[in-house]
C-alpha atoms as a PDB file:
ATOM      1  CA  MET A   1      10.787 -15.535   9.395  1.00  0.00           C
ATOM      2  CA  ASN A   2      12.529 -14.111   6.677  1.00  0.00           C
ATOM      3  CA  PHE A   3      11.622 -11.436   4.315  1.00  0.00           C
ATOM      4  CA  ALA A   4      10.686 -13.412   1.158  1.00  0.00           C
ATOM      5  CA  GLN A   5       8.530 -15.948   3.608  1.00  0.00           C
ATOM      6  CA  ARG A   6       6.559 -12.978   4.629  1.00  0.00           C
ATOM      7  CA  ILE A   7       6.018 -11.653   1.239  1.00  0.00           C
ATOM      8  CA  ILE A   8       4.805 -14.856   0.155  1.00  0.00           C
ATOM      9  CA  GLU A   9       2.571 -15.432   3.086  1.00  0.00           C
ATOM     10  CA  GLY A  10       1.415 -11.747   3.111  1.00  0.00           C
ATOM     11  CA  SER A  11      -0.194 -11.404   6.721  1.00  0.00           C
ATOM     12  CA  ILE A  12      -0.879  -8.061   7.782  1.00  0.00           C
ATOM     13  CA  ASP A  13      -3.025  -6.905  10.727  1.00  0.00           C
ATOM     14  CA  PHE A  14      -6.315  -4.990  10.924  1.00  0.00           C
ATOM     15  CA  VAL A  15      -4.444  -1.677  11.721  1.00  0.00           C
ATOM     16  CA  GLY A  16      -2.030  -2.450   8.727  1.00  0.00           C
ATOM     17  CA  GLN A  17      -4.869  -3.033   6.590  1.00  0.00           C
ATOM     18  CA  GLN A  18      -6.424   0.409   7.439  1.00  0.00           C
ATOM     19  CA  THR A  19      -2.981   2.096   6.702  1.00  0.00           C
ATOM     20  CA  ALA A  20      -2.497   0.641   3.509  1.00  0.00           C
ATOM     21  CA  ASP A  21      -6.438   1.650   2.211  1.00  0.00           C
ATOM     22  CA  SER A  22      -5.533   5.236   3.621  1.00  0.00           C
ATOM     23  CA  LEU A  23      -2.267   5.173   1.832  1.00  0.00           C
ATOM     24  CA  SER A  24      -3.348   3.595  -1.404  1.00  0.00           C
ATOM     25  CA  ILE A  25      -6.320   6.414  -1.501  1.00  0.00           C
ATOM     26  CA  ARG A  26      -3.420   9.510  -0.697  1.00  0.00           C
ATOM     27  CA  VAL A  27      -1.175   8.207  -3.383  1.00  0.00           C
ATOM     28  CA  ILE A  28      -4.044   8.097  -5.969  1.00  0.00           C
ATOM     29  CA  TRP A  29      -5.457  11.570  -4.958  1.00  0.00           C
ATOM     30  CA  VAL A  30      -2.038  13.029  -4.813  1.00  0.00           C
ATOM     31  CA  SER A  31      -0.759  11.877  -7.982  1.00  0.00           C
ATOM     32  CA  THR A  32      -3.757  12.316 -10.102  1.00  0.00           C
ATOM     33  CA  VAL A  33      -3.524  16.133  -8.852  1.00  0.00           C
ATOM     34  CA  VAL A  34       0.283  16.236  -9.599  1.00  0.00           C
ATOM     35  CA  ALA A  35       0.116  14.685 -12.781  1.00  0.00           C
ATOM     36  CA  PHE A  36      -3.183  16.753 -14.087  1.00  0.00           C
ATOM     37  CA  LEU A  37      -1.285  20.159 -13.057  1.00  0.00           C
ATOM     38  CA  ALA A  38       2.149  18.988 -14.511  1.00  0.00           C
ATOM     39  CA  GLY A  39       0.300  18.312 -17.799  1.00  0.00           C
ATOM     40  CA  LEU A  40      -1.576  21.239 -17.723  1.00  0.00           C
ATOM     41  CA  VAL A  41       1.504  23.264 -17.315  1.00  0.00           C
ATOM     42  CA  THR A  42       3.199  21.572 -19.876  1.00  0.00           C
ATOM     43  CA  ALA A  43       0.507  21.226 -21.963  1.00  0.00           C
ATOM     44  CA  ASP A  44       1.553  17.718 -22.916  1.00  0.00           C
ATOM     45  CA  ILE A  45      -0.613  14.529 -22.177  1.00  0.00           C
ATOM     46  CA  SER A  46       2.245  11.863 -21.753  1.00  0.00           C
ATOM     47  CA  VAL A  47       3.569  13.857 -18.927  1.00  0.00           C
ATOM     48  CA  THR A  48       0.399  13.058 -17.093  1.00  0.00           C
ATOM     49  CA  VAL A  49       0.364   9.841 -18.006  1.00  0.00           C
ATOM     50  CA  TYR A  50       4.012   8.840 -17.133  1.00  0.00           C
ATOM     51  CA  ILE A  51       3.396  10.749 -13.664  1.00  0.00           C
ATOM     52  CA  CYS A  52       0.273   8.815 -12.910  1.00  0.00           C
ATOM     53  CA  ALA A  53       1.998   5.056 -14.333  1.00  0.00           C
ATOM     54  CA  PHE A  54       4.986   5.850 -12.004  1.00  0.00           C
ATOM     55  CA  ALA A  55       3.185   7.040  -8.982  1.00  0.00           C
ATOM     56  CA  TYR A  56       0.448   4.064  -9.209  1.00  0.00           C
ATOM     57  CA  SER A  57       3.438   1.608  -9.591  1.00  0.00           C
ATOM     58  CA  ALA A  58       4.996   2.993  -6.637  1.00  0.00           C
ATOM     59  CA  GLY A  59       1.779   3.225  -4.612  1.00  0.00           C
ATOM     60  CA  PHE A  60       1.060  -0.400  -5.806  1.00  0.00           C
ATOM     61  CA  ILE A  61       4.663  -1.436  -4.314  1.00  0.00           C
ATOM     62  CA  PHE A  62       4.002   0.074  -0.948  1.00  0.00           C
ATOM     63  CA  VAL A  63       0.353  -0.943  -0.495  1.00  0.00           C
ATOM     64  CA  VAL A  64       0.407  -4.641  -1.894  1.00  0.00           C
ATOM     65  CA  LEU A  65       3.632  -6.118  -0.081  1.00  0.00           C
ATOM     66  CA  PRO A  66       3.139  -6.970   3.483  1.00  0.00           C
ATOM     67  CA  TRP A  67       5.965  -4.740   4.638  1.00  0.00           C
ATOM     68  CA  PRO A  68       6.652  -4.936   8.394  1.00  0.00           C
ATOM     69  CA  PHE A  69       4.936  -1.576   9.403  1.00  0.00           C
ATOM     70  CA  TYR A  70       1.632  -3.200   8.493  1.00  0.00           C
ATOM     71  CA  ASN A  71       2.198  -5.798  11.205  1.00  0.00           C
ATOM     72  CA  ARG A  72       2.936  -3.609  14.162  1.00  0.00           C
ATOM     73  CA  ASN A  73      -0.293  -4.653  16.059  1.00  0.00           C
ATOM     74  CA  PRO A  74      -0.349  -8.416  15.513  1.00  0.00           C
ATOM     75  CA  LEU A  75      -3.513 -10.140  17.426  1.00  0.00           C
ATOM     76  CA  LYS A  76      -3.150 -12.071  20.373  1.00  0.00           C
ATOM     77  CA  TRP A  77      -4.940 -15.203  19.654  1.00  0.00           C
ATOM     78  CA  LEU A  78      -6.735 -17.084  22.860  1.00  0.00           C
ATOM     79  CA  GLU A  79      -5.151 -20.220  23.662  1.00  0.00           C
ATOM     80  CA  PRO A  80      -7.316 -23.776  22.668  1.00  0.00           C
ATOM     81  CA  ALA A  81      -9.610 -24.614  25.596  1.00  0.00           C
ATOM     82  CA  ALA A  82      -8.797 -28.029  27.201  1.00  0.00           C
ATOM     83  CA  LYS A  83     -11.085 -30.785  26.270  1.00  0.00           C
ATOM     84  CA  ASN A  84     -12.461 -32.584  28.916  1.00  0.00           C
END
């Protein structure tokens, strides 16, 4: 399966969902603190907005797209039972 098809289908496993969730929370917290401190030091609200916008955009790319590291633990489905 090629990369474009995996992006369109968007399947990730449960461990990958947990990883994406924790990554998104960390990106939001860290970028917010860094942006606030940078804006405080420079006394410029636009620095805060630009840092937040860049970090949230980068976080969006890393969290929303189904990267291969989100599918390292795929589910092993049972074989269908034979009909009698």
